[in-house]
């Protein structure tokens, strides 16, 4: 028996581009309980690659090249699972085809029983997807090209209830095959600092360094919002969302082992007028191994010519192979010299002491560039809102955090804060922005109480917006009980477009300047307030005075007419 010791806890998460590609190619592999699970027990899911290709056995000696297949378990709960689990591996199906060793995750122990079976045990599972163990697979001595077999995995998990019980899991199998194609994408020498409108040729080139031909390929092109490929090929399906355009192009033919191929005509990659920080990802896979994307139903076929690949070099005699899924794809990052004008806006509202009003604030991107941190996934900016004096926040948008008046971290998250910081999303497209609605209770009806709205960098240490050429419009005001003669109005908000959408410029349905009951205040939208003295009592007095003056003038005119008569 061979025993593999665990590393440190907790379990590692499945990660890495290569592992992700294998899991995506395999599709979801679910293992359900054979008997109905108790309501309090989690239902686990086993997964892994549907098939793994092995490097052929090296007859000339030397260390064999191994392929890795990760066996995963998904814990659907939000908390870690502390019940014990056992996975049993039946290796008889790959006897004489593959040699199997284990790379267990932290907190897991794996032991082999000869060459026919193995057992992995553990006590905890992190929430979500975790890799229990990696299978290190090498072609067995004497195995032939194309030989194939399966590894069968069964599992058992003890119940998480106060009365533990075993929950058997239905079997899961992964197929192992000796040899296969190895499609390798060549990296292209782009100009990574283009100017808006600049076009570059992209002669996509790939090779098959595997041990057998590929029967058709799928070329996948993904480019972010600031880039465009004007050609729309008839054998490509195109899907576009707020951030990405994805083209999946099916190219027919036999792509021989040892040969290199390029497109019959190079693509054209253009940095558009909205380009700023963009990515272009281009990859190649054998047809039939690419899973159907969830967005495929929304894709559209191109109407242009057929995209074709032609040989660049012919196949050569068999040589050492490199069956590595990580080299199927390349990525190019572009930094385009461009700008985006983030314009802050505020609001006005009025009400008596004790009334609650809604104010709308935020920013919109006047372009021309879109802004995104699509690699890091961080926020591109933040809205910093200082609450007007005499008011208390009763409701704040989800994601906004209260800070001290100086902008420092605040331990108390339950009571209203004097200042709020609201992060923008990872991407803000041209014409988009961030629209926020706050509820404010007027504790003191102060005339012209003013709060500050600033769009800035995502952190106080990076408060600037390096892409913004007009920092003067990054600040606006929120005014309570203001007067038309009291100074400039808050910056205007963009027109309402429906429900909230942080990346699109659509605004919340809550109307600014309304009380908690929905009654309108005496203000204009986002500035341009109507004349107002502030409180309802003062407004009533003004109306009464105007009525008395009008009546007096009418009586005076009538008396004058009588004297003339």
Protein backbone atom coordinates (compact mmCIF):
# COMPACT_ATOMS: atom_id res chain seq x y z
CA UNK A 1 0.00 0.00 0.00
CA UNK A 2 1.28 3.43 -0.90
CA UNK A 3 0.11 6.36 1.26
CA UNK A 4 0.09 10.02 0.26
CA UNK A 5 0.19 12.54 3.14
CA UNK A 6 -2.03 15.62 3.23
CA UNK A 7 -0.80 19.17 3.10
CA UNK A 8 -2.27 22.08 5.01
CA UNK A 9 -6.03 22.74 5.39
CA UNK A 10 -8.45 23.96 4.15
CA UNK A 11 -9.04 22.24 0.80
CA UNK A 12 -7.66 24.08 -2.19
CA UNK A 13 -10.12 25.37 -4.75
CA UNK A 14 -9.96 24.15 -8.34
CA UNK A 15 -8.20 26.86 -10.30
CA UNK A 16 -5.85 27.75 -13.14
CA UNK A 17 -6.62 28.25 -16.79
CA UNK A 18 -5.73 24.68 -17.74
CA UNK A 19 -7.92 23.13 -15.04
CA UNK A 20 -10.76 25.46 -15.95
CA UNK A 21 -10.47 24.50 -19.61
CA UNK A 22 -10.62 20.79 -18.74
CA UNK A 23 -13.69 21.22 -16.56
CA UNK A 24 -15.45 23.37 -19.14
CA UNK A 25 -14.70 20.82 -21.86
CA UNK A 26 -16.10 18.06 -19.72
CA UNK A 27 -19.31 19.83 -18.79
CA UNK A 28 -21.04 19.39 -15.41
CA UNK A 29 -20.79 15.85 -14.08
CA UNK A 30 -23.27 15.36 -11.28
CA UNK A 31 -23.32 12.56 -8.74
CA UNK A 32 -26.60 12.43 -6.82
CA UNK A 33 -27.42 10.45 -3.70
CA UNK A 34 -28.86 7.00 -4.44
CA UNK A 35 -31.45 7.48 -1.69
CA UNK A 36 -33.32 10.75 -0.94
CA UNK A 37 -31.13 12.99 1.17
CA UNK A 38 -32.36 14.36 4.43
CA UNK A 39 -33.33 18.03 4.34
CA UNK A 40 -30.48 18.96 6.70
CA UNK A 41 -27.79 17.13 4.73
CA UNK A 42 -25.85 18.68 1.83
CA UNK A 43 -26.07 17.06 -1.59
CA UNK A 44 -22.58 16.86 -3.03
CA UNK A 45 -21.58 16.81 -6.70
CA UNK A 46 -18.57 14.94 -8.05
CA UNK A 47 -16.88 16.24 -11.17
CA UNK A 48 -13.81 16.16 -13.35
CA UNK A 49 -12.81 15.93 -17.01
CA UNK A 50 -14.86 13.59 -19.16
CA UNK A 51 -11.71 12.46 -20.99
CA UNK A 52 -7.97 12.92 -20.64
CA UNK A 53 -5.36 12.32 -23.37
CA UNK A 54 -2.02 10.76 -22.42
CA UNK A 55 1.38 11.31 -23.93
CA UNK A 56 2.42 8.05 -25.64
CA UNK A 57 4.96 5.99 -23.72
CA UNK A 58 8.52 7.09 -24.45
CA UNK A 59 10.29 3.93 -25.59
CA UNK A 60 13.66 5.64 -25.53
CA UNK A 61 13.51 6.01 -21.76
CA UNK A 62 13.53 9.14 -19.67
CA UNK A 63 10.89 10.48 -17.34
CA UNK A 64 7.39 9.93 -18.75
CA UNK A 65 5.23 12.96 -19.41
CA UNK A 66 2.13 12.95 -17.28
CA UNK A 67 -1.31 14.47 -17.72
CA UNK A 68 -3.40 15.70 -14.79
CA UNK A 69 -7.10 15.14 -14.19
CA UNK A 70 -8.60 16.88 -11.16
CA UNK A 71 -11.40 15.10 -9.26
CA UNK A 72 -13.65 17.70 -7.66
CA UNK A 73 -16.47 17.85 -5.14
CA UNK A 74 -18.97 20.70 -4.99
CA UNK A 75 -20.38 21.64 -1.58
CA UNK A 76 -23.54 23.70 -2.24
CA UNK A 77 -23.68 25.13 1.28
CA UNK A 78 -22.37 28.57 2.23
CA UNK A 79 -20.34 27.06 5.05
CA UNK A 80 -17.71 24.35 5.16
CA UNK A 81 -18.76 20.72 5.65
CA UNK A 82 -17.11 18.84 8.52
CA UNK A 83 -18.57 15.37 7.97
CA UNK A 84 -16.17 12.72 6.80
CA UNK A 85 -16.10 11.50 3.19
CA UNK A 86 -14.52 8.64 1.28
CA UNK A 87 -13.83 8.28 -2.46
CA UNK A 88 -12.96 4.89 -3.93
CA UNK A 89 -11.19 4.60 -7.30
CA UNK A 90 -11.54 1.47 -9.44
CA UNK A 91 -8.47 1.38 -11.71
CA UNK A 92 -9.03 -2.00 -13.36
CA UNK A 93 -10.35 -0.31 -16.51
CA UNK A 94 -6.98 1.29 -17.25
CA UNK A 95 -4.74 -1.65 -16.39
CA UNK A 96 -2.00 -1.85 -19.02
CA UNK A 97 -3.09 1.50 -20.43
CA UNK A 98 -2.23 4.08 -17.77
CA UNK A 99 -0.14 4.32 -14.64
CA UNK A 100 -2.00 6.29 -11.96
CA UNK A 101 -0.63 8.17 -8.98
CA UNK A 102 -2.38 10.70 -6.74
CA UNK A 103 -1.79 14.33 -5.81
CA UNK A 104 -4.22 14.79 -2.88
CA UNK A 105 -5.45 18.15 -1.74
CA UNK A 106 -4.82 19.56 1.75
CA UNK A 107 -6.61 17.58 4.44
CA UNK A 108 -6.98 14.53 2.18
CA UNK A 109 -5.14 11.21 2.36
CA UNK A 110 -4.98 8.80 -0.58
CA UNK A 111 -3.75 5.21 -0.46
CA UNK A 112 -3.36 2.81 -3.40
CA UNK A 113 -4.00 -0.92 -3.17
CA UNK A 114 -1.68 -2.33 -5.79
CA UNK A 115 -2.55 -1.15 -9.29
CA UNK A 116 -6.24 -1.97 -9.14
CA UNK A 117 -7.79 0.48 -6.66
CA UNK A 118 -7.22 3.43 -4.37
CA UNK A 119 -9.07 5.22 -1.56
CA UNK A 120 -9.06 8.91 -0.62
CA UNK A 121 -10.50 10.16 2.69
CA UNK A 122 -11.03 13.55 4.27
CA UNK A 123 -12.95 15.31 7.04
CA UNK A 124 -13.82 18.73 5.63
CA UNK A 125 -15.04 20.31 2.41
CA UNK A 126 -14.87 24.03 1.72
CA UNK A 127 -17.96 25.77 0.27
CA UNK A 128 -18.25 25.59 -3.48
CA UNK A 129 -15.96 23.67 -5.82
CA UNK A 130 -12.89 21.96 -4.32
CA UNK A 131 -10.31 19.66 -5.87
CA UNK A 132 -10.14 16.56 -3.68
CA UNK A 133 -7.24 15.04 -5.56
CA UNK A 134 -5.41 15.23 -8.83
CA UNK A 135 -4.86 12.08 -10.86
CA UNK A 136 -1.36 11.99 -12.36
CA UNK A 137 -1.70 9.86 -15.48
CA UNK A 138 1.04 8.43 -17.67
CA UNK A 139 0.86 5.91 -20.50
CA UNK A 140 1.80 2.44 -19.33
CA UNK A 141 4.75 0.63 -20.89
CA UNK A 142 3.56 -1.37 -23.88
CA UNK A 143 0.36 0.67 -24.31
CA UNK A 144 -0.64 1.37 -27.89
CA UNK A 145 -1.72 4.55 -29.63
CA UNK A 146 -5.49 4.95 -29.25
CA UNK A 147 -5.82 2.53 -26.34
CA UNK A 148 -8.59 3.68 -24.03
CA UNK A 149 -10.12 2.80 -20.66
CA UNK A 150 -12.10 4.32 -17.80
CA UNK A 151 -11.48 5.08 -14.17
CA UNK A 152 -14.57 4.55 -11.99
CA UNK A 153 -15.07 6.66 -8.86
CA UNK A 154 -17.62 6.00 -6.11
CA UNK A 155 -18.13 8.02 -2.97
CA UNK A 156 -19.72 8.08 0.44
CA UNK A 157 -20.33 11.01 2.77
CA UNK A 158 -21.45 10.83 6.39
CA UNK A 159 -24.49 12.91 7.24
CA UNK A 160 -24.11 16.37 8.74
CA UNK A 161 -27.05 15.89 11.12
CA UNK A 162 -26.82 14.94 14.77
CA UNK A 163 -27.43 11.31 13.73
CA UNK A 164 -24.69 10.63 11.16
CA UNK A 165 -25.50 8.26 8.34
CA UNK A 166 -23.73 7.30 5.13
CA UNK A 167 -25.00 8.75 1.84
CA UNK A 168 -23.82 6.61 -1.10
CA UNK A 169 -23.05 8.51 -4.32
CA UNK A 170 -23.69 7.16 -7.80
CA UNK A 171 -20.55 6.23 -9.78
CA UNK A 172 -18.59 8.76 -11.83
CA UNK A 173 -16.24 7.75 -14.66
CA UNK A 174 -13.53 9.52 -16.60
CA UNK A 175 -12.09 8.13 -19.84
CA UNK A 176 -8.34 7.92 -20.45
CA UNK A 177 -6.92 7.60 -23.98
CA UNK A 178 -3.33 7.18 -25.14
CA UNK A 179 -2.33 9.78 -27.72
CA UNK A 180 -4.29 12.58 -29.34
CA UNK A 181 -3.89 15.90 -31.11
CA UNK A 182 -2.13 18.78 -29.39
CA UNK A 183 -3.26 22.06 -30.93
CA UNK A 184 -0.88 24.88 -30.09
CA UNK A 185 -1.75 28.53 -30.79
CA UNK A 186 1.11 30.79 -31.90
CA UNK A 187 1.43 34.16 -30.14
CA UNK A 188 1.02 37.14 -32.49
CA UNK A 189 3.32 40.22 -32.40
CA UNK A 190 0.73 42.98 -31.89
CA UNK A 191 1.35 46.66 -31.25
CA UNK A 192 0.03 46.70 -27.68
CA UNK A 193 -0.25 50.51 -27.45
CA UNK A 194 -2.47 51.44 -30.40
CA UNK A 195 -4.32 54.68 -31.03
CA UNK A 196 -8.11 54.87 -31.49
CA UNK A 197 -9.02 53.75 -35.00
CA UNK A 198 -5.77 51.83 -35.54
CA UNK A 199 -6.12 48.50 -37.38
CA UNK A 200 -3.76 45.53 -37.15
CA UNK A 201 -3.62 42.28 -39.04
CA UNK A 202 -4.06 39.08 -37.03
CA UNK A 203 -2.81 36.10 -39.07
CA UNK A 204 -3.98 33.40 -36.65
CA UNK A 205 -1.53 30.48 -36.81
CA UNK A 206 -1.63 27.15 -34.96
CA UNK A 207 0.11 23.78 -35.06
CA UNK A 208 -0.82 20.20 -34.22
CA UNK A 209 2.05 18.81 -32.17
CA UNK A 210 0.13 15.74 -31.08
CA UNK A 211 0.31 12.10 -32.06
CA UNK A 212 -2.82 11.98 -34.23
CA UNK A 213 -4.76 14.22 -36.60
CA UNK A 214 -7.51 16.57 -35.42
CA UNK A 215 -10.84 16.04 -37.18
CA UNK A 216 -11.96 19.65 -37.57
CA UNK A 217 -11.18 22.56 -35.22
CA UNK A 218 -13.06 25.36 -33.46
CA UNK A 219 -11.38 28.77 -33.42
CA UNK A 220 -12.59 30.94 -30.53
CA UNK A 221 -12.07 34.71 -30.63
CA UNK A 222 -12.97 36.88 -27.61
CA UNK A 223 -12.39 40.64 -27.64
CA UNK A 224 -13.49 43.28 -25.16
CA UNK A 225 -15.69 46.29 -25.88
CA UNK A 226 -12.95 48.61 -27.13
CA UNK A 227 -11.87 46.21 -29.90
CA UNK A 228 -13.59 45.01 -33.05
CA UNK A 229 -13.06 42.50 -35.85
CA UNK A 230 -15.06 43.91 -38.79
CA UNK A 231 -15.26 40.60 -40.67
CA UNK A 232 -18.32 38.46 -39.90
CA UNK A 233 -17.75 34.95 -41.25
CA UNK A 234 -20.63 32.64 -42.17
CA UNK A 235 -19.13 29.67 -40.29
CA UNK A 236 -18.80 31.70 -37.07
CA UNK A 237 -21.42 32.22 -34.35
CA UNK A 238 -21.22 35.65 -32.64
CA UNK A 239 -22.39 36.54 -29.13
CA UNK A 240 -22.09 40.04 -27.63
CA UNK A 241 -22.71 41.29 -24.08
CA UNK A 242 -21.80 44.45 -22.15
CA UNK A 243 -18.09 43.57 -22.05
CA UNK A 244 -17.22 40.89 -24.61
CA UNK A 245 -17.84 39.77 -28.16
CA UNK A 246 -17.23 36.04 -28.65
CA UNK A 247 -16.92 34.35 -32.05
CA UNK A 248 -16.81 30.55 -32.31
CA UNK A 249 -15.75 29.49 -35.81
CA UNK A 250 -16.08 25.86 -36.94
CA UNK A 251 -13.38 25.01 -39.49
CA UNK A 252 -13.71 21.67 -41.27
CA UNK A 253 -10.86 19.44 -42.41
CA UNK A 254 -8.23 17.01 -41.16
CA UNK A 255 -5.46 18.88 -39.36
CA UNK A 256 -2.49 16.56 -39.47
CA UNK A 257 -0.15 15.81 -36.61
CA UNK A 258 3.12 17.67 -37.10
CA UNK A 259 1.68 20.32 -39.45
CA UNK A 260 1.20 24.07 -38.95
CA UNK A 261 -1.80 26.03 -40.26
CA UNK A 262 -2.73 29.68 -40.75
CA UNK A 263 -5.85 31.51 -41.91
CA UNK A 264 -6.35 31.84 -45.66
CA UNK A 265 -6.73 35.60 -45.06
CA UNK A 266 -5.65 37.34 -41.84
CA UNK A 267 -8.21 38.88 -39.52
CA UNK A 268 -8.32 42.63 -38.93
CA UNK A 269 -8.25 43.74 -35.28
CA UNK A 270 -9.31 47.36 -34.75
CA UNK A 271 -8.95 49.61 -31.69
CA UNK A 272 -12.24 51.55 -31.79
CA UNK A 273 -12.83 55.12 -30.62
CA UNK A 274 -13.92 53.77 -27.22
CA UNK A 275 -10.81 51.60 -26.65
CA UNK A 276 -8.79 52.06 -23.47
CA UNK A 277 -7.65 48.87 -21.66
CA UNK A 278 -8.69 45.83 -23.68
CA UNK A 279 -8.03 42.11 -24.15
CA UNK A 280 -8.04 39.85 -27.19
CA UNK A 281 -8.12 36.11 -26.49
CA UNK A 282 -7.71 33.61 -29.34
CA UNK A 283 -7.74 29.84 -28.94
CA UNK A 284 -8.03 26.60 -30.88
CA UNK A 285 -9.63 23.26 -29.95
CA UNK A 286 -10.56 20.07 -31.74
CA UNK A 287 -14.15 19.98 -32.95
CA UNK A 288 -16.42 18.00 -30.65
CA UNK A 289 -14.49 18.91 -27.49
CA UNK A 290 -15.91 22.44 -27.11
CA UNK A 291 -18.99 22.49 -24.82
CA UNK A 292 -22.07 24.34 -26.01
CA UNK A 293 -22.02 27.73 -24.28
CA UNK A 294 -25.07 28.94 -22.35
CA UNK A 295 -25.15 32.01 -24.61
CA UNK A 296 -25.19 29.92 -27.82
CA UNK A 297 -28.96 30.30 -28.11
CA UNK A 298 -28.49 34.09 -28.40
CA UNK A 299 -25.68 33.90 -30.97
CA UNK A 300 -25.95 35.11 -34.56
CA UNK A 301 -24.28 33.69 -37.65
CA UNK A 302 -22.10 35.94 -39.77
CA UNK A 303 -23.13 36.70 -43.33
CA UNK A 304 -19.69 37.01 -44.91
CA UNK A 305 -17.24 34.56 -46.45
CA UNK A 306 -16.20 31.24 -44.92
CA UNK A 307 -13.20 31.40 -42.59
CA UNK A 308 -10.64 28.83 -43.72
CA UNK A 309 -7.29 27.53 -42.50
CA UNK A 310 -4.54 26.45 -44.89
CA UNK A 311 -1.27 24.54 -44.26
CA UNK A 312 1.74 26.69 -43.51
CA UNK A 313 4.10 23.71 -43.10
CA UNK A 314 3.47 20.06 -43.90
CA UNK A 315 3.41 17.22 -41.42
CA UNK A 316 6.75 15.77 -40.42
CA UNK A 317 7.75 12.41 -39.00
CA UNK A 318 6.45 11.59 -35.53
CA UNK A 319 8.42 13.25 -32.77
CA UNK A 320 8.14 14.01 -29.06
CA UNK A 321 4.64 15.26 -28.35
CA UNK A 322 3.37 18.02 -26.07
CA UNK A 323 -0.24 17.23 -25.21
CA UNK A 324 -0.83 20.29 -23.05
CA UNK A 325 -4.24 22.05 -23.00
CA UNK A 326 -2.62 25.21 -21.63
CA UNK A 327 -1.02 26.08 -24.99
CA UNK A 328 -4.27 26.06 -26.98
CA UNK A 329 -4.88 29.73 -26.31
CA UNK A 330 -3.06 33.04 -26.41
CA UNK A 331 -3.96 36.46 -25.05
CA UNK A 332 -3.05 40.01 -26.04
CA UNK A 333 -3.55 43.06 -23.82
CA UNK A 334 -3.89 46.54 -25.35
CA UNK A 335 -3.39 49.95 -23.74
CA UNK A 336 -4.96 52.50 -26.07
CA UNK A 337 -4.20 56.20 -25.66
CA UNK A 338 -7.72 57.45 -24.94
CA UNK A 339 -9.84 59.28 -22.37
CA UNK A 340 -13.18 58.97 -20.61
CA UNK A 341 -14.99 61.88 -18.92
CA UNK A 342 -16.68 60.78 -15.67
CA UNK A 343 -19.24 63.48 -14.74
CA UNK A 344 -20.69 63.56 -11.20
CA UNK A 345 -24.28 64.61 -10.57
CA UNK A 346 -26.31 65.43 -7.48
CA UNK A 347 -29.88 66.35 -6.61
CA UNK A 348 -32.18 68.72 -4.69
CA UNK A 349 -35.02 67.90 -2.35
CA UNK A 350 -37.18 69.78 0.19
CA UNK A 351 -39.19 68.81 3.23
CA UNK A 352 -40.11 69.78 6.77
CA UNK A 353 -38.31 68.47 9.83
CA UNK A 354 -39.09 64.78 10.26
CA UNK A 355 -39.83 64.16 6.57
CA UNK A 356 -37.92 61.55 4.55
CA UNK A 357 -36.89 62.39 1.00
CA UNK A 358 -35.16 60.42 -1.76
CA UNK A 359 -32.17 61.85 -3.59
CA UNK A 360 -30.44 60.46 -6.64
CA UNK A 361 -26.73 60.87 -7.24
CA UNK A 362 -23.83 59.25 -9.04
CA UNK A 363 -21.91 59.75 -12.27
CA UNK A 364 -22.14 59.08 -15.99
CA UNK A 365 -19.39 58.37 -18.52
CA UNK A 366 -19.39 60.89 -21.36
CA UNK A 367 -16.68 58.85 -23.12
CA UNK A 368 -15.37 58.47 -25.66
CA UNK A 369 -13.66 55.44 -24.06
CA UNK A 370 -15.22 52.65 -22.04
CA UNK A 371 -13.33 51.82 -18.83
CA UNK A 372 -12.84 48.32 -17.48
CA UNK A 373 -10.60 46.34 -15.18
CA UNK A 374 -11.46 43.05 -16.81
CA UNK A 375 -8.22 41.33 -15.82
CA UNK A 376 -8.17 42.21 -12.11
CA UNK A 377 -11.93 42.42 -11.64
CA UNK A 378 -11.62 45.49 -9.41
CA UNK A 379 -13.82 48.58 -9.37
CA UNK A 380 -12.93 51.30 -11.87
CA UNK A 381 -14.08 54.17 -9.63
CA UNK A 382 -16.09 55.04 -6.53
CA UNK A 383 -18.80 57.56 -5.65
CA UNK A 384 -17.99 59.40 -2.40
CA UNK A 385 -21.08 61.00 -0.79
CA UNK A 386 -20.94 63.32 2.23
CA UNK A 387 -24.41 63.61 3.83
CA UNK A 388 -25.88 67.16 4.14
CA UNK A 389 -25.89 68.70 7.61
CA UNK A 390 -29.10 68.12 9.55
CA UNK A 391 -29.99 64.93 7.65
CA UNK A 392 -29.67 61.21 8.44
CA UNK A 393 -29.42 58.38 5.92
CA UNK A 394 -32.37 55.99 6.26
CA UNK A 395 -31.57 53.80 3.26
CA UNK A 396 -28.42 53.34 1.17
CA UNK A 397 -27.82 51.27 -1.98
CA UNK A 398 -26.47 47.77 -1.56
CA UNK A 399 -22.69 47.77 -1.69
CA UNK A 400 -22.25 51.28 -0.29
CA UNK A 401 -20.30 51.34 2.96
CA UNK A 402 -20.48 53.96 5.68
CA UNK A 403 -17.23 55.65 6.68
CA UNK A 404 -16.24 58.40 9.10
CA UNK A 405 -16.44 62.05 8.11
CA UNK A 406 -12.73 61.83 7.24
CA UNK A 407 -13.29 58.75 5.05
CA UNK A 408 -11.72 56.26 7.46
CA UNK A 409 -12.98 52.74 8.25
CA UNK A 410 -15.97 52.65 10.58
CA UNK A 411 -16.48 49.75 12.98
CA UNK A 412 -20.17 50.54 13.53
CA UNK A 413 -22.07 49.32 10.46
CA UNK A 414 -25.57 49.52 11.93
CA UNK A 415 -26.08 53.20 12.69
CA UNK A 416 -26.17 55.83 9.89
CA UNK A 417 -22.82 57.28 8.82
CA UNK A 418 -21.91 60.86 7.90
CA UNK A 419 -20.29 59.70 4.67
CA UNK A 420 -20.70 56.80 2.21
CA UNK A 421 -18.43 55.26 -0.41
CA UNK A 422 -20.07 53.30 -3.24
CA UNK A 423 -17.82 51.26 -5.59
CA UNK A 424 -18.50 51.31 -9.32
CA UNK A 425 -18.56 47.97 -11.19
CA UNK A 426 -15.62 46.34 -12.94
CA UNK A 427 -16.63 47.92 -16.26
CA UNK A 428 -18.35 51.20 -17.13
CA UNK A 429 -19.20 51.47 -20.80
CA UNK A 430 -19.29 54.70 -22.77
CA UNK A 431 -22.70 56.22 -22.06
CA UNK A 432 -23.03 54.19 -18.84
CA UNK A 433 -22.35 55.12 -15.26
CA UNK A 434 -23.46 54.47 -11.69
CA UNK A 435 -26.86 55.68 -10.45
CA UNK A 436 -27.61 55.61 -6.73
CA UNK A 437 -30.68 56.43 -4.62
CA UNK A 438 -30.40 57.41 -0.93
CA UNK A 439 -33.19 57.95 1.57
CA UNK A 440 -32.58 61.00 3.82
CA UNK A 441 -34.52 61.96 6.94
CA UNK A 442 -34.53 65.73 7.52
CA UNK A 443 -33.82 66.11 11.24
CA UNK A 444 -33.39 69.90 11.03
CA UNK A 445 -34.96 71.93 8.22
CA UNK A 446 -31.86 73.99 7.46
CA UNK A 447 -32.01 76.30 4.46
CA UNK A 448 -29.57 75.13 1.76
CA UNK A 449 -28.00 72.23 3.65
CA UNK A 450 -25.42 70.88 1.20
CA UNK A 451 -23.76 67.49 0.77
CA UNK A 452 -20.89 66.64 -1.56
CA UNK A 453 -20.80 64.01 -4.33
CA UNK A 454 -17.43 63.06 -5.81
CA UNK A 455 -16.52 60.42 -8.37
CA UNK A 456 -12.93 59.36 -7.73
CA UNK A 457 -10.59 56.40 -7.86
CA UNK A 458 -11.69 53.21 -6.09
CA UNK A 459 -9.50 53.87 -3.03
CA UNK A 460 -8.44 56.95 -1.07
CA UNK A 461 -4.84 56.10 -1.93
CA UNK A 462 -5.75 56.17 -5.65
CA UNK A 463 -8.28 58.99 -5.60
CA UNK A 464 -7.48 60.28 -9.08
CA UNK A 465 -8.95 59.11 -12.39
CA UNK A 466 -5.94 58.97 -14.75
CA UNK A 467 -8.15 58.57 -17.82
CA UNK A 468 -10.37 61.60 -17.04
CA UNK A 469 -9.29 64.84 -18.78
CA UNK A 470 -11.86 67.03 -16.94
CA UNK A 471 -11.48 66.63 -13.17
CA UNK A 472 -13.47 69.85 -12.67
CA UNK A 473 -16.78 68.05 -13.25
CA UNK A 474 -16.01 65.15 -10.90
CA UNK A 475 -17.84 66.90 -8.04
CA UNK A 476 -21.52 67.79 -7.56
CA UNK A 477 -23.87 68.69 -4.68
CA UNK A 478 -26.93 67.36 -2.91
CA UNK A 479 -28.95 70.31 -1.55
CA UNK A 480 -31.81 70.11 0.95
CA UNK A 481 -34.32 72.98 1.22
CA UNK A 482 -32.32 75.14 -1.16
CA UNK A 483 -33.36 78.46 -2.72
CA UNK A 484 -33.03 79.35 -6.39
CA UNK A 485 -30.83 82.32 -5.47
CA UNK A 486 -28.63 80.31 -3.19
CA UNK A 487 -25.91 79.53 -5.75
CA UNK A 488 -25.36 77.14 -8.60
CA UNK A 489 -27.62 74.12 -8.92
CA UNK A 490 -26.35 70.56 -8.59
CA UNK A 491 -25.00 68.99 -11.76
CA UNK A 492 -27.86 67.53 -13.81
CA UNK A 493 -28.53 63.79 -13.74
CA UNK A 494 -28.82 61.76 -16.94
CA UNK A 495 -32.36 61.01 -18.17
CA UNK A 496 -34.07 58.09 -16.48
CA UNK A 497 -34.07 54.88 -18.56
CA UNK A 498 -35.81 52.33 -16.39
CA UNK A 499 -34.49 50.04 -13.68
CA UNK A 500 -31.03 50.23 -12.05
CA UNK A 501 -28.04 49.13 -14.09
CA UNK A 502 -24.66 50.21 -12.79
CA UNK A 503 -22.90 49.70 -16.06
CA UNK A 504 -25.47 51.06 -18.49
CA UNK A 505 -26.52 54.45 -17.17
CA UNK A 506 -30.04 53.28 -16.35
CA UNK A 507 -31.48 54.91 -13.26
CA UNK A 508 -33.40 53.73 -10.22
CA UNK A 509 -37.15 54.17 -10.27
CA UNK A 510 -37.20 56.21 -7.05
CA UNK A 511 -37.85 59.81 -7.99
CA UNK A 512 -35.58 62.41 -6.42
CA UNK A 513 -37.00 65.02 -4.13
CA UNK A 514 -39.95 63.01 -2.81
CA UNK A 515 -41.06 62.42 0.73
CA UNK A 516 -41.36 59.02 2.33
CA UNK A 517 -45.02 58.91 1.29
CA UNK A 518 -44.25 59.70 -2.32
CA UNK A 519 -45.48 63.34 -2.20
CA UNK A 520 -43.45 65.56 -4.56
CA UNK A 521 -41.26 68.33 -3.17
CA UNK A 522 -41.02 71.80 -4.64
CA UNK A 523 -37.89 71.10 -6.69
CA UNK A 524 -36.82 70.56 -10.25
CA UNK A 525 -35.06 67.35 -11.36
CA UNK A 526 -31.39 67.19 -10.48
CA UNK A 527 -31.12 70.97 -10.12
CA UNK A 528 -33.09 73.96 -11.36
CA UNK A 529 -35.32 74.08 -8.27
CA UNK A 530 -38.52 76.04 -8.23
CA UNK A 531 -38.62 79.09 -5.92
CA UNK A 532 -39.07 77.87 -2.37
CA UNK A 533 -38.68 79.34 1.08
CA UNK A 534 -38.02 75.96 2.61
CA UNK A 535 -40.69 74.95 5.13
CA UNK A 536 -44.41 74.36 4.38
CA UNK A 537 -45.38 77.08 6.92
CA UNK A 538 -43.31 79.67 5.08
CA UNK A 539 -44.80 78.56 1.78
CA UNK A 540 -48.36 78.96 3.14
CA UNK A 541 -47.55 82.45 4.42
CA UNK A 542 -46.19 83.44 1.02
CA UNK A 543 -49.33 82.25 -0.77
CA UNK A 544 -51.56 84.11 1.71
CA UNK A 545 -49.62 87.35 1.25
CA UNK A 546 -49.90 87.12 -2.53
CA UNK A 547 -53.68 86.56 -2.29
CA UNK A 548 -54.13 89.57 0.04
CA UNK A 549 -52.09 91.79 -2.26
CA UNK A 550 -54.17 90.74 -5.28
CA UNK A 551 -57.46 91.49 -3.43
CA UNK A 552 -56.19 94.92 -2.31
CA UNK A 553 -55.24 95.90 -5.84
CA UNK A 554 -58.70 94.90 -7.12
CA UNK A 555 -60.49 97.02 -4.46
CA UNK A 556 -58.25 100.01 -5.18
CA UNK A 557 -59.03 99.83 -8.90
CA UNK A 558 -62.78 99.65 -8.27
CA UNK A 559 -62.74 102.70 -5.96
CA UNK A 560 -60.78 104.70 -8.51
CA UNK A 561 -63.35 103.93 -11.22
CA UNK A 562 -66.18 105.15 -8.93
CA UNK A 563 -64.40 108.49 -8.28
CA UNK A 564 -63.96 109.07 -12.02
CA UNK A 565 -67.68 108.35 -12.55
